[in-house]
Amino acid sequence: MKSVIHEIDLVQNDARRFGSATDYYPALLIRKDGTEAGLLFTPDDIGVAEIRGAANSEDVPDRSQPGTSQAPARQTWLVIALVLAVALLIFVR
């Protein structure tokens, strides 16, 4: 299973309508026939899914399965940028 939603991808709903969520997690669903659908999960949707996953742990993907990401690429690049910035500050002094 390759499905991963990264918490770091939380997006603020800047153009929100009355009653809509202030934040959401974007995801892309690729169907068997190759068609795609954009999905938006609210934090409440994620909470419900977490409860469902805890109740059905036998169906939750194992992190050691091929195709499941250990860390978001964006987070990895942020760490690299931070390390480079610190190294530059040390070098400049």
N, C-alpha and C. Protein backbone atom coordinates (compact mmCIF):
# COMPACT_ATOMS: atom_id res chain seq x y z
N MET A 1 0.85 -1.18 0.00
CA MET A 1 0.00 0.00 0.00
C MET A 1 0.89 1.23 0.00
N LYS A 2 0.60 2.20 -0.85
CA LYS A 2 1.42 3.39 -0.99
C LYS A 2 0.74 4.66 -0.49
N SER A 3 -0.40 4.53 0.14
CA SER A 3 -1.16 5.71 0.56
C SER A 3 -0.53 6.37 1.76
N VAL A 4 -0.21 7.66 1.61
CA VAL A 4 0.38 8.43 2.69
C VAL A 4 -0.18 9.84 2.64
N ILE A 5 -0.62 10.34 3.78
CA ILE A 5 -1.03 11.74 3.91
C ILE A 5 -0.10 12.34 4.95
N HIS A 6 0.62 13.38 4.58
CA HIS A 6 1.58 14.00 5.49
C HIS A 6 0.95 15.18 6.22
N GLU A 7 1.07 15.17 7.53
CA GLU A 7 0.51 16.24 8.34
C GLU A 7 1.12 17.60 7.99
N ILE A 8 2.34 17.58 7.49
CA ILE A 8 3.01 18.82 7.11
C ILE A 8 2.30 19.51 5.94
N ASP A 9 1.48 18.76 5.20
CA ASP A 9 0.79 19.31 4.03
C ASP A 9 -0.53 20.01 4.37
N LEU A 10 -0.81 20.24 5.65
CA LEU A 10 -2.03 20.93 6.05
C LEU A 10 -2.09 22.29 5.36
N VAL A 11 -3.21 22.58 4.71
CA VAL A 11 -3.38 23.82 3.94
C VAL A 11 -4.49 24.64 4.59
N GLN A 12 -4.23 25.94 4.74
CA GLN A 12 -5.27 26.83 5.26
C GLN A 12 -6.26 27.14 4.16
N ASN A 13 -7.53 27.13 4.51
CA ASN A 13 -8.60 27.44 3.57
C ASN A 13 -8.83 28.95 3.59
N ASP A 14 -8.05 29.67 2.79
CA ASP A 14 -8.10 31.13 2.79
C ASP A 14 -9.40 31.69 2.21
N ALA A 15 -9.97 31.01 1.25
CA ALA A 15 -11.21 31.48 0.61
C ALA A 15 -12.38 30.65 1.09
N ARG A 16 -12.47 30.49 2.39
CA ARG A 16 -13.49 29.59 2.92
C ARG A 16 -14.88 30.20 2.89
N ARG A 17 -15.82 29.31 2.69
CA ARG A 17 -17.23 29.69 2.71
C ARG A 17 -17.77 29.46 4.11
N PHE A 18 -18.91 30.05 4.39
CA PHE A 18 -19.54 29.91 5.70
C PHE A 18 -19.74 28.43 6.02
N GLY A 19 -19.28 28.02 7.18
CA GLY A 19 -19.47 26.65 7.63
C GLY A 19 -18.39 25.68 7.16
N SER A 20 -17.49 26.12 6.29
CA SER A 20 -16.45 25.20 5.81
C SER A 20 -15.27 25.19 6.79
N ALA A 21 -14.44 24.19 6.66
CA ALA A 21 -13.30 24.01 7.56
C ALA A 21 -12.25 25.09 7.31
N THR A 22 -11.50 25.41 8.35
CA THR A 22 -10.44 26.41 8.24
C THR A 22 -9.17 25.81 7.63
N ASP A 23 -8.99 24.49 7.74
CA ASP A 23 -7.81 23.80 7.22
C ASP A 23 -8.25 22.49 6.58
N TYR A 24 -7.38 21.98 5.71
CA TYR A 24 -7.64 20.66 5.13
C TYR A 24 -6.34 20.02 4.67
N TYR A 25 -6.37 18.71 4.53
CA TYR A 25 -5.25 17.93 4.02
C TYR A 25 -5.58 17.52 2.59
N PRO A 26 -4.82 18.01 1.61
CA PRO A 26 -5.09 17.62 0.22
C PRO A 26 -4.50 16.23 -0.07
N ALA A 27 -5.17 15.49 -0.92
CA ALA A 27 -4.69 14.17 -1.35
C ALA A 27 -5.16 13.94 -2.78
N LEU A 28 -4.53 13.02 -3.44
CA LEU A 28 -4.90 12.66 -4.81
C LEU A 28 -5.26 11.19 -4.84
N LEU A 29 -6.45 10.88 -5.31
CA LEU A 29 -6.90 9.50 -5.47
C LEU A 29 -6.71 9.11 -6.92
N ILE A 30 -5.96 8.04 -7.17
CA ILE A 30 -5.79 7.51 -8.52
C ILE A 30 -6.55 6.20 -8.57
N ARG A 31 -7.60 6.19 -9.37
CA ARG A 31 -8.46 5.02 -9.48
C ARG A 31 -7.83 3.94 -10.35
N LYS A 32 -8.40 2.75 -10.29
CA LYS A 32 -7.90 1.62 -11.07
C LYS A 32 -7.86 1.92 -12.56
N ASP A 33 -8.81 2.71 -13.05
CA ASP A 33 -8.86 3.02 -14.48
C ASP A 33 -7.93 4.18 -14.87
N GLY A 34 -7.18 4.70 -13.89
CA GLY A 34 -6.22 5.77 -14.16
C GLY A 34 -6.76 7.17 -13.97
N THR A 35 -8.07 7.31 -13.79
CA THR A 35 -8.62 8.64 -13.56
C THR A 35 -8.23 9.11 -12.16
N GLU A 36 -8.18 10.41 -11.98
CA GLU A 36 -7.75 10.99 -10.71
C GLU A 36 -8.85 11.85 -10.11
N ALA A 37 -8.84 11.95 -8.80
CA ALA A 37 -9.78 12.82 -8.09
C ALA A 37 -9.03 13.52 -6.97
N GLY A 38 -9.20 14.83 -6.87
CA GLY A 38 -8.62 15.58 -5.77
C GLY A 38 -9.49 15.41 -4.53
N LEU A 39 -8.87 15.11 -3.41
CA LEU A 39 -9.59 14.91 -2.16
C LEU A 39 -9.13 15.94 -1.14
N LEU A 40 -10.04 16.37 -0.30
CA LEU A 40 -9.72 17.30 0.78
C LEU A 40 -10.27 16.73 2.08
N PHE A 41 -9.38 16.42 3.01
CA PHE A 41 -9.76 15.88 4.31
C PHE A 41 -9.62 16.97 5.36
N THR A 42 -10.66 17.18 6.15
CA THR A 42 -10.57 18.13 7.25
C THR A 42 -9.84 17.44 8.41
N PRO A 43 -9.34 18.20 9.37
CA PRO A 43 -8.76 17.56 10.55
C PRO A 43 -9.74 16.62 11.25
N ASP A 44 -11.04 16.96 11.24
CA ASP A 44 -12.05 16.06 11.82
C ASP A 44 -12.13 14.76 11.03
N ASP A 45 -12.05 14.84 9.68
CA ASP A 45 -12.04 13.62 8.86
C ASP A 45 -10.87 12.73 9.22
N ILE A 46 -9.70 13.35 9.43
CA ILE A 46 -8.50 12.59 9.80
C ILE A 46 -8.71 11.93 11.16
N GLY A 47 -9.32 12.66 12.10
CA GLY A 47 -9.60 12.09 13.42
C GLY A 47 -10.50 10.88 13.36
N VAL A 48 -11.55 10.96 12.54
CA VAL A 48 -12.46 9.82 12.37
C VAL A 48 -11.71 8.64 11.76
N ALA A 49 -10.86 8.92 10.77
CA ALA A 49 -10.09 7.85 10.13
C ALA A 49 -9.11 7.21 11.12
N GLU A 50 -8.53 8.03 12.01
CA GLU A 50 -7.61 7.48 13.03
C GLU A 50 -8.34 6.54 13.96
N ILE A 51 -9.55 6.91 14.37
CA ILE A 51 -10.35 6.04 15.24
C ILE A 51 -10.67 4.74 14.51
N ARG A 52 -11.05 4.85 13.23
CA ARG A 52 -11.36 3.66 12.43
C ARG A 52 -10.12 2.77 12.29
N GLY A 53 -8.95 3.39 12.08
CA GLY A 53 -7.71 2.63 11.96
C GLY A 53 -7.34 1.92 13.25
N ALA A 54 -7.56 2.60 14.39
CA ALA A 54 -7.26 1.97 15.68
C ALA A 54 -8.18 0.78 15.94
N ALA A 55 -9.43 0.89 15.50
CA ALA A 55 -10.39 -0.18 15.71
C ALA A 55 -10.16 -1.35 14.74
N ASN A 56 -9.48 -1.09 13.62
CA ASN A 56 -9.24 -2.12 12.60
C ASN A 56 -7.75 -2.16 12.26
N SER A 57 -6.91 -2.31 13.27
CA SER A 57 -5.46 -2.22 13.09
C SER A 57 -4.92 -3.26 12.11
N GLU A 58 -5.62 -4.36 11.92
CA GLU A 58 -5.16 -5.39 10.97
C GLU A 58 -5.20 -4.91 9.52
N ASP A 59 -5.97 -3.86 9.26
CA ASP A 59 -6.08 -3.31 7.90
C ASP A 59 -5.19 -2.10 7.66
N VAL A 60 -4.50 -1.63 8.68
CA VAL A 60 -3.65 -0.45 8.56
C VAL A 60 -2.33 -0.87 7.92
N PRO A 61 -1.83 -0.09 6.94
CA PRO A 61 -0.58 -0.47 6.28
C PRO A 61 0.60 -0.47 7.25
N ASP A 62 1.49 -1.42 7.03
CA ASP A 62 2.71 -1.53 7.82
C ASP A 62 3.74 -0.57 7.25
N ARG A 63 4.39 0.23 8.10
CA ARG A 63 5.36 1.23 7.64
C ARG A 63 6.55 0.59 6.93
N SER A 64 6.80 -0.69 7.17
CA SER A 64 7.94 -1.35 6.55
C SER A 64 7.63 -1.87 5.15
N GLN A 65 6.36 -1.74 4.72
CA GLN A 65 5.99 -2.20 3.38
C GLN A 65 6.62 -1.30 2.33
N PRO A 66 7.06 -1.89 1.22
CA PRO A 66 7.61 -1.06 0.14
C PRO A 66 6.57 -0.06 -0.35
N GLY A 67 7.05 1.14 -0.67
CA GLY A 67 6.15 2.16 -1.21
C GLY A 67 5.62 3.11 -0.17
N THR A 68 5.82 2.81 1.11
CA THR A 68 5.37 3.76 2.13
C THR A 68 6.54 4.64 2.51
N SER A 69 6.32 5.91 2.52
CA SER A 69 7.36 6.90 2.76
C SER A 69 7.69 6.97 4.24
N GLN A 70 8.96 7.09 4.57
CA GLN A 70 9.38 7.25 5.96
C GLN A 70 9.31 8.71 6.40
N ALA A 71 9.54 9.63 5.47
CA ALA A 71 9.49 11.06 5.81
C ALA A 71 9.12 11.83 4.55
N PRO A 72 8.33 12.87 4.69
CA PRO A 72 7.97 13.66 3.53
C PRO A 72 9.20 14.30 2.89
N ALA A 73 9.22 14.34 1.58
CA ALA A 73 10.35 14.93 0.87
C ALA A 73 10.53 16.39 1.27
N ARG A 74 9.44 17.12 1.43
CA ARG A 74 9.51 18.53 1.81
C ARG A 74 10.21 18.68 3.17
N GLN A 75 9.88 17.81 4.10
CA GLN A 75 10.48 17.87 5.42
C GLN A 75 11.98 17.58 5.33
N THR A 76 12.36 16.63 4.50
CA THR A 76 13.76 16.30 4.30
C THR A 76 14.52 17.51 3.77
N TRP A 77 13.95 18.20 2.78
CA TRP A 77 14.61 19.39 2.23
C TRP A 77 14.69 20.51 3.24
N LEU A 78 13.70 20.64 4.11
CA LEU A 78 13.76 21.66 5.15
C LEU A 78 14.90 21.39 6.11
N VAL A 79 15.10 20.13 6.45
CA VAL A 79 16.19 19.76 7.35
C VAL A 79 17.53 20.06 6.68
N ILE A 80 17.67 19.71 5.41
CA ILE A 80 18.91 19.98 4.67
C ILE A 80 19.17 21.48 4.63
N ALA A 81 18.14 22.28 4.34
CA ALA A 81 18.29 23.73 4.29
C ALA A 81 18.72 24.28 5.65
N LEU A 82 18.14 23.77 6.71
CA LEU A 82 18.49 24.22 8.05
C LEU A 82 19.95 23.89 8.37
N VAL A 83 20.38 22.68 8.05
CA VAL A 83 21.77 22.28 8.31
C VAL A 83 22.73 23.17 7.52
N LEU A 84 22.41 23.45 6.25
CA LEU A 84 23.26 24.32 5.43
C LEU A 84 23.31 25.74 5.99
N ALA A 85 22.18 26.24 6.46
CA ALA A 85 22.14 27.59 7.03
C ALA A 85 23.00 27.68 8.29
N VAL A 86 22.93 26.67 9.13
CA VAL A 86 23.74 26.65 10.36
C VAL A 86 25.22 26.56 10.00
N ALA A 87 25.55 25.71 9.03
CA ALA A 87 26.95 25.59 8.60
C ALA A 87 27.46 26.92 8.04
N LEU A 88 26.63 27.61 7.29
CA LEU A 88 27.02 28.91 6.74
C LEU A 88 27.26 29.93 7.85
N LEU A 89 26.38 29.94 8.85
CA LEU A 89 26.56 30.86 9.98
C LEU A 89 27.86 30.58 10.72
N ILE A 90 28.18 29.30 10.90
CA ILE A 90 29.42 28.93 11.59
C ILE A 90 30.63 29.36 10.75
N PHE A 91 30.54 29.15 9.45
CA PHE A 91 31.65 29.48 8.55
C PHE A 91 31.89 30.99 8.49
N VAL A 92 30.83 31.78 8.49
CA VAL A 92 30.93 33.24 8.38
C VAL A 92 31.57 33.84 9.64
N ARG A 93 31.32 33.28 10.77
CA ARG A 93 31.87 33.79 12.02
C ARG A 93 33.33 33.56 12.01
